[in-house]
Structures are given as C-alpha cells and as structure tokens.
C-alpha cells in the first residue's frame, strides 16, 4: 500500500555523502537548494580533510550536516540518512553523489511518476556527464541497453534492470521493506546488492525517467586504470555482489566459479587474476552464508 502523503506535499530528504568533495559543493548543494520541490537536505561527511564541511556550513546554512568522524564508506554513511527517512516518516529519500547535481525540476518529475506508479521503489533520472553534452559513459555503455521500451510509463519512464545509486529517488515503502545498504560493501557494489535484494523481494521496480536528467562529473577512466590492481578490485566487487545476492544459491555459485577459475589457472590465462578470484570466492562464500539478507536493519 502506498504511504499516504500529508496535504499532498511529500516530505523528501535529499542525502549527499561527502568525502573531500569541496570542488563540487556549489553545484551539488546549490542544485538541491534550488529544486522546484521542497527538500530537507542532509550532508553526511566522511571525515573530509579538504574543508568540505566548513564550506557547506558557510555557503548552505539550510543544509543539515552530520560529520561521522571517520570514513564509513558510501553505504554505511547513506544508511544514516535512510534511517532518518524512517524515523521522520518521510515520503522519499533522494540519494545524490557529491560529484553530481540536478536540474530544477528533476526530483519533482521523479516524484510525480512515483506517485502515479508506486510500484517503482527506485527511480533515476538519466545521468549525463559533467559537461552536459553526452550521457554518463557508464550509463551509455551498460545501463541504457537494459531499458524495456515495451513498458512505458508517464514522463518517458521505463523499467530497467539496474542503474547506479548516484541519483536515486527511493520510496518510504522500499526503505521500510529492504532497509539500508549491506554493511559488507564499503565502496562499489552496494547499489547492485540493493537492487538484487529488491528483485528478490518482488514488490518493487527500478525505473529510469528519460524526460529528466542529472549530471555526474566523473571523467572517463584513463588507461592506467586497467592496471592489474584495479582489475582485481573490480573482480572482488563482482564476486561479492554475486555471493550476497539472496536469489543465488551460494553453493552452486561456489562450485561453478571454482571449476571455471581452476580451468583458467591450469590454462595459464590471467593466472594471477584467477588465483585471486579463487581466494575471493572462498572468502565471500563463507561470509555470505551468514550475511545474505533481504532486509538490512537501519
């Protein structure tokens, strides 16, 4: 059942996790302050050392600032804000990356769609790059191809299998049912795990609203990021999301993964990478047996 909105004015808590993000403070928080729909804005700072908290206080007195005192990572810090949504009985959370900003009516359009179609637990605008001329390259390469164009909703909204959490509108019902981000994810993979849990729950949809946009100021990765260390980090994140997916049988996944990785090691194809994968698989298999949740208490 859709949560009743008092006096037809939704309460929305915008949550921005910051860490050494001073160069984006003006664009990020300025866009939220100027939103066409009223917002409560919550900044959660993960022990920045570049003056980010002081800058927020100086320029945006209307923003509530929580300083964690240490770097909690993306998921745990956002959970502080999501708990506030439940505690204050707010209607929505809007998660926004510190290096992102919205248009004036971005959030209002998302809310309008969600109120008409409450089956959407997560709605995202289309992410553009920081210059606003092209799609965010990750969206362009991976996500937009998942849009189910035969399922059209108002404001050019479509179901999508996954979209990253740099700009999510989340309903109160979704947060109530799923709780927060999994504490086993520090940075990267926590949004994939959240949507895996959403899909397992089978009560909510994920959508992208192509009639509205936001801007994500991340440059396309340089070739130096193809170093082995970065490939290993990405590999572990992928294995973690697979192991903590409540819809996947971890024993079957373990056996299939070990069989595949051992064959690769024997064939001497990316031997170091596959040996690391075997270690990660065994490690996260044991952890996931006792931590494969749908609901994460806030």
Protein backbone atom coordinates (compact mmCIF):
# COMPACT_ATOMS: atom_id res chain seq x y z
CA UNK A 1 0.00 0.00 0.00
CA UNK A 2 1.24 3.46 -0.94
CA UNK A 3 2.13 5.64 2.05
CA UNK A 4 -0.35 8.49 2.48
CA UNK A 5 1.19 11.89 1.73
CA UNK A 6 0.01 14.56 4.15
CA UNK A 7 -1.66 17.57 2.47
CA UNK A 8 -0.38 16.38 -0.92
CA UNK A 9 3.06 17.78 -0.08
CA UNK A 10 5.66 14.99 0.01
CA UNK A 11 8.48 15.08 2.52
CA UNK A 12 11.74 14.38 0.74
CA UNK A 13 15.11 14.01 2.41
CA UNK A 14 17.98 14.53 -0.02
CA UNK A 15 21.09 12.69 1.17
CA UNK A 16 24.60 13.53 -0.01
CA UNK A 17 27.60 11.62 1.33
CA UNK A 18 30.72 13.78 1.08
CA UNK A 19 34.41 12.97 1.22
CA UNK A 20 36.92 15.58 0.08
CA UNK A 21 34.35 16.95 -2.34
CA UNK A 22 34.85 20.68 -1.87
CA UNK A 23 35.12 21.38 -5.61
CA UNK A 24 31.55 20.12 -6.16
CA UNK A 25 29.85 21.72 -3.14
CA UNK A 26 28.44 24.71 -5.05
CA UNK A 27 26.96 22.70 -7.92
CA UNK A 28 25.70 19.77 -5.87
CA UNK A 29 24.09 21.57 -2.95
CA UNK A 30 23.19 24.63 -5.00
CA UNK A 31 21.08 22.45 -7.29
CA UNK A 32 19.27 20.85 -4.34
CA UNK A 33 18.58 24.18 -2.65
CA UNK A 34 17.04 25.46 -5.90
CA UNK A 35 14.87 22.38 -6.50
CA UNK A 36 11.31 23.14 -7.60
CA UNK A 37 10.01 20.73 -4.95
CA UNK A 38 10.85 21.38 -1.28
CA UNK A 39 13.63 19.24 0.18
CA UNK A 40 15.24 18.58 3.50
CA UNK A 41 18.92 18.35 2.65
CA UNK A 42 21.27 16.17 4.68
CA UNK A 43 25.03 16.12 4.13
CA UNK A 44 26.92 13.24 5.74
CA UNK A 45 30.64 13.91 5.74
CA UNK A 46 33.09 11.00 5.94
CA UNK A 47 35.96 12.86 7.66
CA UNK A 48 36.95 15.12 4.76
CA UNK A 49 40.33 16.81 5.05
CA UNK A 50 39.83 19.44 2.34
CA UNK A 51 37.41 21.75 4.16
CA UNK A 52 34.22 20.30 2.69
CA UNK A 53 32.18 20.55 5.95
CA UNK A 54 33.27 24.13 6.57
CA UNK A 55 32.34 25.09 3.01
CA UNK A 56 28.89 23.56 3.35
CA UNK A 57 28.28 25.42 6.61
CA UNK A 58 29.46 28.70 5.12
CA UNK A 59 27.54 28.58 1.85
CA UNK A 60 24.48 26.45 2.65
CA UNK A 61 23.21 27.10 6.14
CA UNK A 62 19.94 25.35 5.27
CA UNK A 63 21.77 22.05 4.85
CA UNK A 64 21.97 19.81 7.91
CA UNK A 65 25.50 18.48 8.29
CA UNK A 66 26.47 15.29 10.08
CA UNK A 67 30.18 14.60 10.50
CA UNK A 68 30.88 10.91 11.03
CA UNK A 69 34.45 11.40 12.29
CA UNK A 70 35.76 8.63 10.04
CA UNK A 71 35.31 7.32 6.52
CA UNK A 72 32.37 4.94 6.76
CA UNK A 73 32.21 4.34 3.03
CA UNK A 74 29.25 5.05 0.76
CA UNK A 75 26.71 2.52 2.04
CA UNK A 76 27.09 2.97 5.80
CA UNK A 77 27.07 6.75 5.52
CA UNK A 78 23.91 6.71 3.39
CA UNK A 79 22.30 4.41 5.94
CA UNK A 80 22.45 7.28 8.45
CA UNK A 81 20.25 9.28 6.09
CA UNK A 82 17.94 6.38 5.27
CA UNK A 83 17.36 5.80 8.97
CA UNK A 84 16.35 9.44 9.24
CA UNK A 85 13.77 8.88 6.49
CA UNK A 86 12.15 6.11 8.54
CA UNK A 87 12.46 7.94 11.86
CA UNK A 88 10.82 11.08 10.47
CA UNK A 89 8.25 9.14 8.44
CA UNK A 90 9.38 10.99 5.31
CA UNK A 91 7.88 10.02 1.97
CA UNK A 92 11.09 9.76 -0.04
CA UNK A 93 14.85 9.71 0.07
CA UNK A 94 16.81 11.18 -2.78
CA UNK A 95 20.41 9.95 -2.90
CA UNK A 96 22.83 12.13 -4.83
CA UNK A 97 26.57 11.69 -5.28
CA UNK A 98 28.75 14.57 -4.14
CA UNK A 99 30.08 14.96 -7.69
CA UNK A 100 26.59 15.24 -9.19
CA UNK A 101 23.86 17.86 -9.48
CA UNK A 102 20.24 18.02 -10.65
CA UNK A 103 18.11 20.32 -12.75
CA UNK A 104 15.45 22.45 -11.09
CA UNK A 105 12.57 20.03 -11.80
CA UNK A 106 14.48 16.73 -11.78
CA UNK A 107 13.25 15.50 -8.40
CA UNK A 108 9.74 16.86 -8.88
CA UNK A 109 9.31 14.85 -12.10
CA UNK A 110 10.52 11.67 -10.40
CA UNK A 111 8.07 12.17 -7.53
CA UNK A 112 5.19 12.76 -9.93
CA UNK A 113 5.91 9.46 -11.69
CA UNK A 114 6.30 7.56 -8.43
CA UNK A 115 3.02 8.87 -7.05
CA UNK A 116 1.21 7.66 -10.16
CA UNK A 117 3.06 4.33 -10.18
CA UNK A 118 4.04 3.38 -6.62
CA UNK A 119 5.37 0.02 -7.84
CA UNK A 120 8.60 1.90 -8.58
CA UNK A 121 10.73 1.69 -5.45
CA UNK A 122 13.69 3.34 -7.18
CA UNK A 123 13.56 5.96 -9.92
CA UNK A 124 16.55 7.60 -11.55
CA UNK A 125 16.91 10.49 -13.97
CA UNK A 126 19.15 9.95 -16.96
CA UNK A 127 22.78 10.64 -15.98
CA UNK A 128 24.79 12.96 -18.18
CA UNK A 129 28.47 13.79 -17.90
CA UNK A 130 29.68 16.88 -16.09
CA UNK A 131 29.63 18.98 -19.28
CA UNK A 132 26.03 18.01 -20.02
CA UNK A 133 26.62 17.15 -23.68
CA UNK A 134 26.79 13.37 -23.52
CA UNK A 135 25.41 10.53 -21.45
CA UNK A 136 27.47 9.44 -18.48
CA UNK A 137 29.76 6.91 -20.12
CA UNK A 138 28.86 4.05 -17.75
CA UNK A 139 25.15 4.58 -18.44
CA UNK A 140 25.81 4.79 -22.17
CA UNK A 141 27.89 1.61 -22.19
CA UNK A 142 25.90 -0.61 -19.83
CA UNK A 143 22.56 0.60 -18.50
CA UNK A 144 20.57 2.25 -21.27
CA UNK A 145 20.53 -1.00 -23.27
CA UNK A 146 18.57 -2.65 -20.43
CA UNK A 147 15.60 -0.30 -20.77
CA UNK A 148 12.42 -2.22 -21.56
CA UNK A 149 10.86 0.08 -24.15
CA UNK A 150 7.71 -2.00 -24.33
CA UNK A 151 6.90 -0.95 -20.76
CA UNK A 152 6.32 2.78 -20.92
CA UNK A 153 5.10 4.88 -18.01
CA UNK A 154 4.44 8.65 -17.67
CA UNK A 155 7.22 11.16 -18.38
CA UNK A 156 9.03 8.66 -20.61
CA UNK A 157 9.74 6.34 -17.70
CA UNK A 158 10.82 2.75 -18.27
CA UNK A 159 11.68 -0.31 -16.23
CA UNK A 160 15.39 -1.05 -16.05
CA UNK A 161 17.38 -3.92 -14.58
CA UNK A 162 19.96 -1.79 -12.82
CA UNK A 163 21.14 1.80 -12.55
CA UNK A 164 23.78 3.06 -10.17
CA UNK A 165 22.95 4.96 -7.00
CA UNK A 166 24.44 8.33 -7.97
CA UNK A 167 20.90 9.73 -8.29
CA UNK A 168 18.14 7.59 -6.77
CA UNK A 169 14.66 8.55 -5.64
CA UNK A 170 13.69 5.88 -3.09
CA UNK A 171 10.19 5.41 -1.70
CA UNK A 172 9.45 5.09 2.00
CA UNK A 173 7.90 1.67 1.36
CA UNK A 174 11.05 0.41 -0.30
CA UNK A 175 13.27 1.57 2.57
CA UNK A 176 10.84 0.08 5.07
CA UNK A 177 10.89 -3.29 3.28
CA UNK A 178 14.60 -3.53 2.42
CA UNK A 179 16.25 -1.29 5.00
CA UNK A 180 19.70 0.06 4.21
CA UNK A 181 22.78 -0.86 2.24
CA UNK A 182 24.63 -4.04 3.15
CA UNK A 183 27.45 -3.34 5.59
CA UNK A 184 29.77 -5.79 3.83
CA UNK A 185 30.15 -3.29 0.98
CA UNK A 186 32.44 -0.33 1.62
CA UNK A 187 32.62 1.28 -1.82
CA UNK A 188 31.28 -0.16 -5.10
CA UNK A 189 28.74 -2.96 -5.35
CA UNK A 190 26.42 -1.75 -2.59
CA UNK A 191 23.89 -0.41 -5.10
CA UNK A 192 23.98 -3.66 -7.11
CA UNK A 193 23.38 -5.65 -3.92
CA UNK A 194 20.49 -3.36 -3.00
CA UNK A 195 18.79 -3.92 -6.36
CA UNK A 196 19.46 -7.67 -6.15
CA UNK A 197 17.58 -7.63 -2.83
CA UNK A 198 14.82 -5.50 -4.38
CA UNK A 199 14.39 -8.01 -7.19
CA UNK A 200 14.34 -10.91 -4.74
CA UNK A 201 11.66 -9.15 -2.69
CA UNK A 202 9.48 -8.89 -5.85
CA UNK A 203 7.41 -5.94 -4.62
CA UNK A 204 9.22 -3.04 -6.25
CA UNK A 205 10.53 -1.98 -9.66
CA UNK A 206 13.53 0.07 -10.75
CA UNK A 207 12.93 2.75 -13.36
CA UNK A 208 14.71 5.42 -15.34
CA UNK A 209 12.88 8.61 -16.33
CA UNK A 210 14.28 9.68 -19.70
CA UNK A 211 12.45 13.02 -19.69
CA UNK A 212 14.63 14.36 -16.90
CA UNK A 213 18.34 14.33 -16.22
CA UNK A 214 21.14 14.99 -13.80
CA UNK A 215 24.87 15.48 -14.22
CA UNK A 216 27.63 13.23 -12.91
CA UNK A 217 31.05 14.80 -13.12
CA UNK A 218 33.28 11.78 -13.48
CA UNK A 219 35.74 11.61 -16.30
CA UNK A 220 36.10 8.52 -18.41
CA UNK A 221 38.65 6.25 -16.81
CA UNK A 222 42.17 6.55 -18.11
CA UNK A 223 44.03 3.55 -19.46
CA UNK A 224 46.12 3.46 -16.27
CA UNK A 225 43.06 2.12 -14.50
CA UNK A 226 43.45 -1.07 -16.46
CA UNK A 227 46.33 -2.00 -14.18
CA UNK A 228 46.11 -5.41 -12.57
CA UNK A 229 45.41 -3.95 -9.11
CA UNK A 230 42.31 -2.17 -10.38
CA UNK A 231 41.12 -5.23 -12.25
CA UNK A 232 41.49 -7.24 -9.05
CA UNK A 233 39.46 -4.69 -7.07
CA UNK A 234 36.69 -4.76 -9.66
CA UNK A 235 36.78 -8.55 -9.66
CA UNK A 236 36.33 -8.76 -5.91
CA UNK A 237 33.38 -6.33 -6.05
CA UNK A 238 31.74 -8.51 -8.70
CA UNK A 239 32.27 -11.69 -6.70
CA UNK A 240 30.88 -10.05 -3.55
CA UNK A 241 27.69 -8.94 -5.28
CA UNK A 242 27.20 -12.45 -6.66
CA UNK A 243 27.76 -14.13 -3.31
CA UNK A 244 25.48 -11.78 -1.34
CA UNK A 245 22.65 -11.98 -3.87
CA UNK A 246 19.77 -13.63 -1.94
CA UNK A 247 18.39 -15.12 -5.17
CA UNK A 248 21.57 -17.09 -5.88
CA UNK A 249 22.42 -20.45 -4.32
CA UNK A 250 25.92 -19.80 -2.90
CA UNK A 251 26.95 -23.48 -3.01
CA UNK A 252 26.16 -23.82 -6.71
CA UNK A 253 27.85 -20.49 -7.40
CA UNK A 254 30.92 -21.61 -5.46
CA UNK A 255 31.24 -24.89 -7.36
CA UNK A 256 30.74 -23.30 -10.78
CA UNK A 257 33.15 -20.49 -10.01
CA UNK A 258 35.90 -22.76 -8.68
CA UNK A 259 35.55 -25.09 -11.66
CA UNK A 260 35.84 -22.18 -14.10
CA UNK A 261 38.71 -20.44 -12.28
CA UNK A 262 40.73 -23.62 -11.83
CA UNK A 263 40.46 -24.35 -15.55
CA UNK A 264 41.71 -20.83 -16.28
CA UNK A 265 44.63 -21.22 -13.89
CA UNK A 266 45.63 -24.52 -15.49
CA UNK A 267 45.48 -22.95 -18.93
CA UNK A 268 47.68 -20.10 -17.60
CA UNK A 269 45.23 -17.47 -18.83
CA UNK A 270 45.43 -14.44 -16.49
CA UNK A 271 46.73 -16.82 -13.85
CA UNK A 272 47.27 -14.18 -11.14
CA UNK A 273 43.80 -12.75 -11.62
CA UNK A 274 42.09 -16.14 -11.42
CA UNK A 275 44.07 -17.21 -8.35
CA UNK A 276 42.87 -14.03 -6.66
CA UNK A 277 39.33 -14.84 -7.79
CA UNK A 278 39.52 -18.26 -6.13
CA UNK A 279 40.63 -16.64 -2.86
CA UNK A 280 37.84 -14.03 -3.05
CA UNK A 281 35.25 -16.66 -3.88
CA UNK A 282 36.15 -18.82 -0.87
CA UNK A 283 36.34 -15.80 1.43
CA UNK A 284 33.00 -14.29 0.45
CA UNK A 285 31.28 -17.66 0.26
CA UNK A 286 31.96 -18.24 3.97
CA UNK A 287 30.93 -14.69 4.87
CA UNK A 288 27.79 -14.73 2.74
CA UNK A 289 26.41 -17.90 4.33
CA UNK A 290 25.53 -15.85 7.42
CA UNK A 291 25.01 -12.43 5.82
CA UNK A 292 22.71 -12.99 2.85
CA UNK A 293 19.87 -10.69 3.84
CA UNK A 294 16.93 -9.10 2.08
CA UNK A 295 16.33 -6.58 4.86
CA UNK A 296 19.24 -4.68 6.44
CA UNK A 297 18.15 -3.08 9.69
CA UNK A 298 18.81 0.63 9.95
